[in-house]
């Protein structure tokens, strides 16, 4: 994996909350909306939205419109999930680094 691809990832993971959110999304393997994630981590939804935006810009997570129906009118909420392609690439890179470092 090229260094210029890794730098945005490392920058986005400099915050403990973002690391925990990313790991949570990887472990759960499903999509969550911002309000649900904010409740899980006991932070305000606006703060969570900023964290999600940073993770998305680094391609660690993906954002999409929810496919489920809500009782509210209007647009369906955005939901977030871990980017499985990037997760596997990072896992492979991590294994290669362990071999090099020993």
N, C-alpha and C. Protein backbone atom coordinates (compact mmCIF):
# COMPACT_ATOMS: atom_id res chain seq x y z
N UNK A 1 0.85 -1.17 0.00
CA UNK A 1 0.00 0.00 0.00
C UNK A 1 0.89 1.23 0.00
N UNK A 2 0.57 2.19 -0.84
CA UNK A 2 1.41 3.38 -0.98
C UNK A 2 1.21 4.33 0.19
N UNK A 3 2.31 5.00 0.55
CA UNK A 3 2.30 5.90 1.69
C UNK A 3 1.28 7.03 1.52
N UNK A 4 1.14 7.57 0.32
CA UNK A 4 0.19 8.67 0.12
C UNK A 4 -1.25 8.24 0.35
N UNK A 5 -1.52 6.93 0.26
CA UNK A 5 -2.86 6.42 0.58
C UNK A 5 -3.03 6.21 2.08
N UNK A 6 -1.93 5.95 2.77
CA UNK A 6 -1.98 5.69 4.19
C UNK A 6 -2.05 6.95 5.05
N UNK A 7 -1.46 8.04 4.59
CA UNK A 7 -1.41 9.26 5.40
C UNK A 7 -2.79 9.76 5.82
N UNK A 8 -3.78 9.86 4.91
CA UNK A 8 -5.10 10.30 5.37
C UNK A 8 -5.72 9.35 6.40
N UNK A 9 -5.43 8.07 6.26
CA UNK A 9 -5.96 7.09 7.20
C UNK A 9 -5.35 7.31 8.58
N UNK A 10 -4.03 7.44 8.62
CA UNK A 10 -3.36 7.66 9.90
C UNK A 10 -3.81 8.96 10.55
N UNK A 11 -3.97 10.01 9.74
CA UNK A 11 -4.42 11.29 10.28
C UNK A 11 -5.82 11.18 10.88
N UNK A 12 -6.69 10.44 10.20
CA UNK A 12 -8.06 10.33 10.69
C UNK A 12 -8.14 9.50 11.97
N UNK A 13 -7.17 8.63 12.18
CA UNK A 13 -7.18 7.77 13.36
C UNK A 13 -6.34 8.32 14.51
N UNK A 14 -6.04 9.62 14.47
CA UNK A 14 -5.28 10.23 15.55
C UNK A 14 -6.16 10.50 16.78
N UNK A 15 -7.46 10.37 16.61
CA UNK A 15 -8.39 10.65 17.69
C UNK A 15 -8.93 9.34 18.25
N UNK A 16 -8.92 9.21 19.57
CA UNK A 16 -9.36 7.99 20.22
C UNK A 16 -10.82 7.64 19.90
N UNK A 17 -11.68 8.64 19.85
CA UNK A 17 -13.09 8.38 19.54
C UNK A 17 -13.24 7.83 18.14
N UNK A 18 -12.52 8.39 17.18
CA UNK A 18 -12.62 7.88 15.80
C UNK A 18 -12.10 6.45 15.70
N UNK A 19 -11.05 6.15 16.44
CA UNK A 19 -10.55 4.77 16.45
C UNK A 19 -11.63 3.83 16.99
N UNK A 20 -12.27 4.22 18.08
CA UNK A 20 -13.30 3.38 18.67
C UNK A 20 -14.51 3.24 17.75
N UNK A 21 -14.91 4.32 17.09
CA UNK A 21 -16.04 4.27 16.15
C UNK A 21 -15.69 3.34 14.99
N UNK A 22 -14.50 3.48 14.44
CA UNK A 22 -14.10 2.63 13.32
C UNK A 22 -14.11 1.16 13.73
N UNK A 23 -13.51 0.85 14.87
CA UNK A 23 -13.48 -0.55 15.34
C UNK A 23 -14.90 -1.07 15.59
N UNK A 24 -15.75 -0.22 16.12
CA UNK A 24 -17.14 -0.63 16.36
C UNK A 24 -17.83 -0.99 15.04
N UNK A 25 -17.67 -0.15 14.03
CA UNK A 25 -18.29 -0.42 12.73
C UNK A 25 -17.71 -1.68 12.09
N UNK A 26 -16.42 -1.89 12.24
CA UNK A 26 -15.80 -3.12 11.70
C UNK A 26 -16.36 -4.34 12.42
N UNK A 27 -16.41 -4.28 13.74
CA UNK A 27 -16.89 -5.42 14.52
C UNK A 27 -18.36 -5.74 14.26
N UNK A 28 -19.18 -4.71 14.14
CA UNK A 28 -20.63 -4.91 13.99
C UNK A 28 -21.00 -5.34 12.57
N UNK A 29 -20.23 -4.94 11.59
CA UNK A 29 -20.47 -5.29 10.18
C UNK A 29 -21.89 -4.97 9.71
N UNK A 30 -22.39 -3.82 10.16
CA UNK A 30 -23.69 -3.35 9.69
C UNK A 30 -23.67 -1.83 9.68
N UNK A 31 -24.72 -1.25 9.12
CA UNK A 31 -24.80 0.20 8.99
C UNK A 31 -25.53 0.81 10.18
N UNK A 32 -25.08 1.99 10.61
CA UNK A 32 -25.69 2.72 11.71
C UNK A 32 -25.89 4.17 11.29
N UNK A 33 -26.94 4.79 11.78
CA UNK A 33 -27.09 6.22 11.52
C UNK A 33 -26.33 7.00 12.60
N UNK A 34 -26.19 8.28 12.36
CA UNK A 34 -25.39 9.13 13.23
C UNK A 34 -25.94 9.15 14.66
N UNK A 35 -27.26 9.25 14.81
CA UNK A 35 -27.85 9.33 16.14
C UNK A 35 -27.59 8.05 16.94
N UNK A 36 -27.70 6.90 16.29
CA UNK A 36 -27.44 5.64 16.99
C UNK A 36 -25.99 5.54 17.44
N UNK A 37 -25.07 5.93 16.57
CA UNK A 37 -23.66 5.89 16.94
C UNK A 37 -23.36 6.89 18.07
N UNK A 38 -23.97 8.06 18.00
CA UNK A 38 -23.77 9.05 19.06
C UNK A 38 -24.25 8.50 20.40
N UNK A 39 -25.36 7.78 20.40
CA UNK A 39 -25.87 7.19 21.64
C UNK A 39 -24.93 6.11 22.17
N UNK A 40 -24.38 5.29 21.27
CA UNK A 40 -23.46 4.23 21.69
C UNK A 40 -22.24 4.82 22.38
N UNK A 41 -21.73 5.94 21.85
CA UNK A 41 -20.50 6.53 22.39
C UNK A 41 -20.75 7.70 23.33
N UNK A 42 -22.01 7.96 23.63
CA UNK A 42 -22.41 9.01 24.60
C UNK A 42 -21.83 10.37 24.24
N UNK A 43 -21.96 10.73 22.96
CA UNK A 43 -21.55 12.06 22.53
C UNK A 43 -22.69 12.69 21.73
N UNK A 44 -22.63 13.99 21.55
CA UNK A 44 -23.67 14.72 20.81
C UNK A 44 -23.63 14.31 19.34
N UNK A 45 -24.79 14.19 18.69
CA UNK A 45 -24.80 13.81 17.27
C UNK A 45 -23.98 14.73 16.36
N UNK A 46 -23.91 16.01 16.69
CA UNK A 46 -23.10 16.91 15.85
C UNK A 46 -21.61 16.58 15.95
N UNK A 47 -21.17 16.19 17.12
CA UNK A 47 -19.78 15.79 17.30
C UNK A 47 -19.53 14.48 16.54
N UNK A 48 -20.47 13.55 16.66
CA UNK A 48 -20.34 12.28 15.94
C UNK A 48 -20.29 12.52 14.44
N UNK A 49 -21.12 13.44 13.95
CA UNK A 49 -21.15 13.73 12.52
C UNK A 49 -19.78 14.19 12.02
N UNK A 50 -19.10 15.01 12.83
CA UNK A 50 -17.74 15.46 12.46
C UNK A 50 -16.77 14.28 12.40
N UNK A 51 -16.86 13.39 13.37
CA UNK A 51 -15.99 12.21 13.37
C UNK A 51 -16.28 11.33 12.15
N UNK A 52 -17.55 11.14 11.83
CA UNK A 52 -17.91 10.31 10.68
C UNK A 52 -17.43 10.93 9.37
N UNK A 53 -17.52 12.25 9.28
CA UNK A 53 -17.05 12.94 8.07
C UNK A 53 -15.55 12.72 7.88
N UNK A 54 -14.78 12.81 8.96
CA UNK A 54 -13.34 12.60 8.88
C UNK A 54 -13.01 11.17 8.47
N UNK A 55 -13.71 10.20 9.05
CA UNK A 55 -13.48 8.80 8.69
C UNK A 55 -13.87 8.52 7.24
N UNK A 56 -14.93 9.16 6.79
CA UNK A 56 -15.36 8.96 5.41
C UNK A 56 -14.36 9.57 4.43
N UNK A 57 -13.83 10.73 4.74
CA UNK A 57 -12.85 11.36 3.86
C UNK A 57 -11.59 10.52 3.71
N UNK A 58 -11.28 9.70 4.71
CA UNK A 58 -10.13 8.80 4.64
C UNK A 58 -10.51 7.45 4.03
N UNK A 59 -11.75 7.31 3.59
CA UNK A 59 -12.29 6.07 3.01
C UNK A 59 -12.32 4.91 3.99
N UNK A 60 -12.26 5.18 5.28
CA UNK A 60 -12.37 4.12 6.27
C UNK A 60 -13.81 3.63 6.41
N UNK A 61 -14.76 4.53 6.17
CA UNK A 61 -16.17 4.16 6.23
C UNK A 61 -16.87 4.67 4.97
N UNK A 62 -18.04 4.13 4.72
CA UNK A 62 -18.85 4.59 3.59
C UNK A 62 -20.14 5.18 4.13
N UNK A 63 -20.69 6.12 3.38
CA UNK A 63 -21.94 6.78 3.72
C UNK A 63 -22.95 6.47 2.63
N UNK A 64 -24.16 6.12 3.01
CA UNK A 64 -25.20 5.83 2.03
C UNK A 64 -26.56 6.15 2.64
N UNK A 65 -27.55 6.29 1.80
CA UNK A 65 -28.91 6.50 2.28
C UNK A 65 -29.44 5.19 2.85
N UNK A 66 -30.13 5.28 3.96
CA UNK A 66 -30.70 4.08 4.59
C UNK A 66 -31.71 3.44 3.65
N UNK A 67 -31.74 2.13 3.66
CA UNK A 67 -32.70 1.41 2.81
C UNK A 67 -33.98 1.09 3.58
N UNK A 68 -33.97 1.33 4.88
CA UNK A 68 -35.16 1.02 5.69
C UNK A 68 -36.10 2.23 5.76
N UNK A 69 -37.34 1.96 6.04
CA UNK A 69 -38.35 3.02 6.17
C UNK A 69 -38.35 3.55 7.61
N UNK A 70 -38.62 4.83 7.73
CA UNK A 70 -38.75 5.43 9.05
C UNK A 70 -40.17 5.94 9.21
N UNK A 71 -40.55 6.25 10.44
CA UNK A 71 -41.88 6.79 10.69
C UNK A 71 -41.95 8.28 10.36
N UNK A 72 -40.81 8.88 10.13
CA UNK A 72 -40.74 10.31 9.82
C UNK A 72 -40.89 10.53 8.31
N UNK A 73 -41.37 11.70 7.95
CA UNK A 73 -41.44 12.05 6.54
C UNK A 73 -40.12 12.66 6.11
N UNK A 74 -39.93 12.75 4.81
CA UNK A 74 -38.71 13.35 4.29
C UNK A 74 -37.71 12.31 3.85
N UNK A 75 -36.48 12.77 3.68
CA UNK A 75 -35.43 11.87 3.20
C UNK A 75 -35.07 10.82 4.24
N UNK A 76 -34.63 9.69 3.74
CA UNK A 76 -34.12 8.64 4.63
C UNK A 76 -32.79 9.10 5.19
N UNK A 77 -32.48 8.70 6.42
CA UNK A 77 -31.22 9.15 7.03
C UNK A 77 -30.01 8.51 6.35
N UNK A 78 -28.87 9.16 6.54
CA UNK A 78 -27.61 8.59 6.08
C UNK A 78 -27.18 7.54 7.10
N UNK A 79 -26.61 6.46 6.59
CA UNK A 79 -26.06 5.43 7.47
C UNK A 79 -24.61 5.20 7.10
N UNK A 80 -23.86 4.69 8.05
CA UNK A 80 -22.42 4.54 7.91
C UNK A 80 -22.02 3.11 8.22
N UNK A 81 -21.07 2.61 7.46
CA UNK A 81 -20.52 1.27 7.70
C UNK A 81 -19.04 1.29 7.37
N UNK A 82 -18.32 0.34 7.94
CA UNK A 82 -16.88 0.23 7.65
C UNK A 82 -16.70 -0.15 6.19
N UNK A 83 -15.69 0.41 5.56
CA UNK A 83 -15.36 0.09 4.18
C UNK A 83 -14.63 -1.26 4.18
N UNK A 84 -15.31 -2.33 3.74
CA UNK A 84 -14.68 -3.66 3.83
C UNK A 84 -13.45 -3.80 2.95
N UNK A 85 -13.44 -3.15 1.80
CA UNK A 85 -12.27 -3.25 0.91
C UNK A 85 -11.03 -2.65 1.57
N UNK A 86 -11.21 -1.51 2.19
CA UNK A 86 -10.07 -0.86 2.83
C UNK A 86 -9.64 -1.64 4.07
N UNK A 87 -10.59 -2.18 4.80
CA UNK A 87 -10.25 -2.96 5.98
C UNK A 87 -9.35 -4.13 5.61
N UNK A 88 -9.68 -4.85 4.55
CA UNK A 88 -8.88 -6.00 4.13
C UNK A 88 -7.50 -5.56 3.64
N UNK A 89 -7.45 -4.43 2.94
CA UNK A 89 -6.16 -3.92 2.46
C UNK A 89 -5.28 -3.50 3.64
N UNK A 90 -5.87 -2.87 4.64
CA UNK A 90 -5.10 -2.47 5.82
C UNK A 90 -4.64 -3.69 6.61
N UNK A 91 -5.48 -4.70 6.70
CA UNK A 91 -5.10 -5.92 7.40
C UNK A 91 -3.91 -6.59 6.71
N UNK A 92 -3.95 -6.64 5.38
CA UNK A 92 -2.84 -7.23 4.62
C UNK A 92 -1.57 -6.42 4.83
N UNK A 93 -1.68 -5.09 4.76
CA UNK A 93 -0.53 -4.21 4.97
C UNK A 93 0.04 -4.43 6.37
N UNK A 94 -0.83 -4.54 7.37
CA UNK A 94 -0.39 -4.76 8.75
C UNK A 94 0.38 -6.07 8.88
N UNK A 95 -0.08 -7.12 8.22
CA UNK A 95 0.62 -8.40 8.26
C UNK A 95 1.98 -8.31 7.58
N UNK A 96 2.06 -7.58 6.47
CA UNK A 96 3.33 -7.39 5.79
C UNK A 96 4.32 -6.63 6.67
N UNK A 97 3.83 -5.62 7.39
CA UNK A 97 4.70 -4.84 8.26
C UNK A 97 5.21 -5.69 9.42
N UNK A 98 4.38 -6.58 9.92
CA UNK A 98 4.82 -7.46 11.01
C UNK A 98 5.93 -8.38 10.57
N UNK A 99 5.86 -8.84 9.33
CA UNK A 99 6.92 -9.70 8.78
C UNK A 99 8.22 -8.91 8.64
N UNK A 100 8.12 -7.68 8.16
CA UNK A 100 9.32 -6.84 7.97
C UNK A 100 9.96 -6.46 9.30
N UNK A 101 9.12 -6.11 10.26
CA UNK A 101 9.64 -5.65 11.55
C UNK A 101 10.09 -6.82 12.41
N UNK A 102 9.39 -7.91 12.27
CA UNK A 102 9.77 -9.11 13.02
C UNK A 102 9.01 -9.25 14.24
